[in-house]
Amino acid sequence: MLAMAVTLGARAGDLTPVSRVDPEFPREAVSAGADTGKVKARMTIDASGEVTRVEIIEANPRRLFDRAVVKTLSQWKFSPGADGRTMEIDVNFHR
């Protein structure tokens, strides 16, 4: 079972997801023996509310959860608004 906490911090206006997907605990992390992880990422959102870029800012352990976070956050949707909005997010994994 996965317990995940997500902390949102908007930099360009009030960005609230209208549709979001929670990440799955990666098999690679299970294989590596990791029970927890934390990734800080920055999303770039276009005018239509689509996530156009996910950048990993920090990760602990490094690279173990990055792919799951990028895949998941790329599926999020936001309300239409200005192009190039950014949001930073902390994703905490617990198995």
Protein backbone atom coordinates (compact mmCIF):
# COMPACT_ATOMS: atom_id res chain seq x y z
CA MET A 1 0.00 0.00 0.00
CA LEU A 2 1.22 3.47 -0.82
CA ALA A 3 0.76 6.49 1.36
CA MET A 4 1.66 9.64 -0.51
CA ALA A 5 1.66 13.25 0.55
CA VAL A 6 1.69 16.05 -1.99
CA THR A 7 2.52 19.65 -1.10
CA LEU A 8 1.73 22.29 -3.70
CA GLY A 9 3.29 25.73 -3.98
CA ALA A 10 2.23 28.00 -6.84
CA ARG A 11 4.62 30.64 -8.16
CA ALA A 12 2.51 32.18 -10.91
CA GLY A 13 -0.97 32.79 -9.61
CA ASP A 14 -3.29 30.36 -7.93
CA LEU A 15 -2.81 27.01 -9.63
CA THR A 16 -5.16 24.29 -8.51
CA PRO A 17 -5.24 20.99 -10.39
CA VAL A 18 -8.62 20.19 -11.93
CA SER A 19 -7.49 16.63 -12.65
CA ARG A 20 -4.63 14.76 -11.01
CA VAL A 21 -3.18 11.28 -10.85
CA ASP A 22 -1.32 9.91 -7.83
CA PRO A 23 2.01 8.19 -8.51
CA GLU A 24 2.51 4.49 -7.89
CA PHE A 25 5.36 3.27 -5.72
CA PRO A 26 7.99 2.27 -8.33
CA ARG A 27 9.09 -1.36 -8.68
CA GLU A 28 12.66 -0.10 -8.97
CA ALA A 29 12.38 1.39 -5.48
CA VAL A 30 11.00 -1.87 -4.08
CA SER A 31 13.85 -3.80 -5.75
CA ALA A 32 16.37 -1.36 -4.30
CA GLY A 33 14.90 -1.87 -0.82
CA ALA A 34 13.60 1.69 -0.44
CA ASP A 35 10.57 2.19 1.80
CA THR A 36 10.42 5.99 1.53
CA GLY A 37 11.39 8.74 -0.86
CA LYS A 38 10.90 12.43 -1.47
CA VAL A 39 10.98 14.30 -4.77
CA LYS A 40 10.67 18.05 -5.31
CA ALA A 41 9.57 18.87 -8.86
CA ARG A 42 8.63 21.94 -10.91
CA MET A 43 5.81 21.76 -13.45
CA THR A 44 5.38 24.18 -16.35
CA ILE A 45 1.77 24.67 -17.45
CA ASP A 46 0.61 26.07 -20.79
CA ALA A 47 -2.36 28.37 -21.51
CA SER A 48 -4.77 25.43 -21.94
CA GLY A 49 -3.84 23.95 -18.54
CA GLU A 50 -1.66 21.11 -19.86
CA VAL A 51 1.62 20.27 -18.12
CA THR A 52 4.33 20.78 -20.73
CA ARG A 53 7.41 20.10 -18.61
CA VAL A 54 8.29 18.38 -15.34
CA GLU A 55 11.72 19.14 -13.91
CA ILE A 56 13.17 17.29 -10.91
CA ILE A 57 14.70 19.82 -8.50
CA GLU A 58 15.67 17.50 -5.62
CA ALA A 59 15.28 13.80 -4.95
CA ASN A 60 16.14 11.57 -2.03
CA PRO A 61 17.16 8.92 -2.84
CA ARG A 62 18.46 10.30 -6.12
CA ARG A 63 16.80 9.07 -9.34
CA LEU A 64 14.83 6.24 -7.72
CA PHE A 65 11.41 7.96 -7.83
CA ASP A 66 12.03 10.52 -10.60
CA ARG A 67 10.45 8.57 -13.47
CA ALA A 68 7.24 7.89 -11.50
CA VAL A 69 6.92 11.58 -10.58
CA VAL A 70 7.52 12.84 -14.15
CA LYS A 71 5.07 10.30 -15.62
CA THR A 72 2.38 11.14 -13.07
CA LEU A 73 2.68 14.94 -13.03
CA SER A 74 2.67 15.03 -16.85
CA GLN A 75 -0.92 13.74 -16.67
CA TRP A 76 -2.19 16.52 -14.39
CA LYS A 77 -4.53 19.19 -15.79
CA PHE A 78 -5.08 22.76 -14.64
CA SER A 79 -7.56 25.50 -15.44
CA PRO A 80 -6.73 27.58 -18.53
CA GLY A 81 -4.67 30.70 -17.86
CA ALA A 82 -1.38 32.33 -18.73
CA ASP A 83 1.16 30.31 -20.70
CA GLY A 84 4.36 29.32 -18.88
CA ARG A 85 2.94 29.18 -15.35
CA THR A 86 5.04 27.12 -12.93
CA MET A 87 4.27 25.18 -9.80
CA GLU A 88 6.62 23.45 -7.40
CA ILE A 89 5.46 20.29 -5.69
CA ASP A 90 6.83 17.91 -3.06
CA VAL A 91 5.90 14.25 -3.46
CA ASN A 92 6.57 11.96 -0.51
CA PHE A 93 6.49 8.18 -0.95
CA HIS A 94 5.90 5.69 1.87
CA ARG A 95 5.51 1.96 1.38
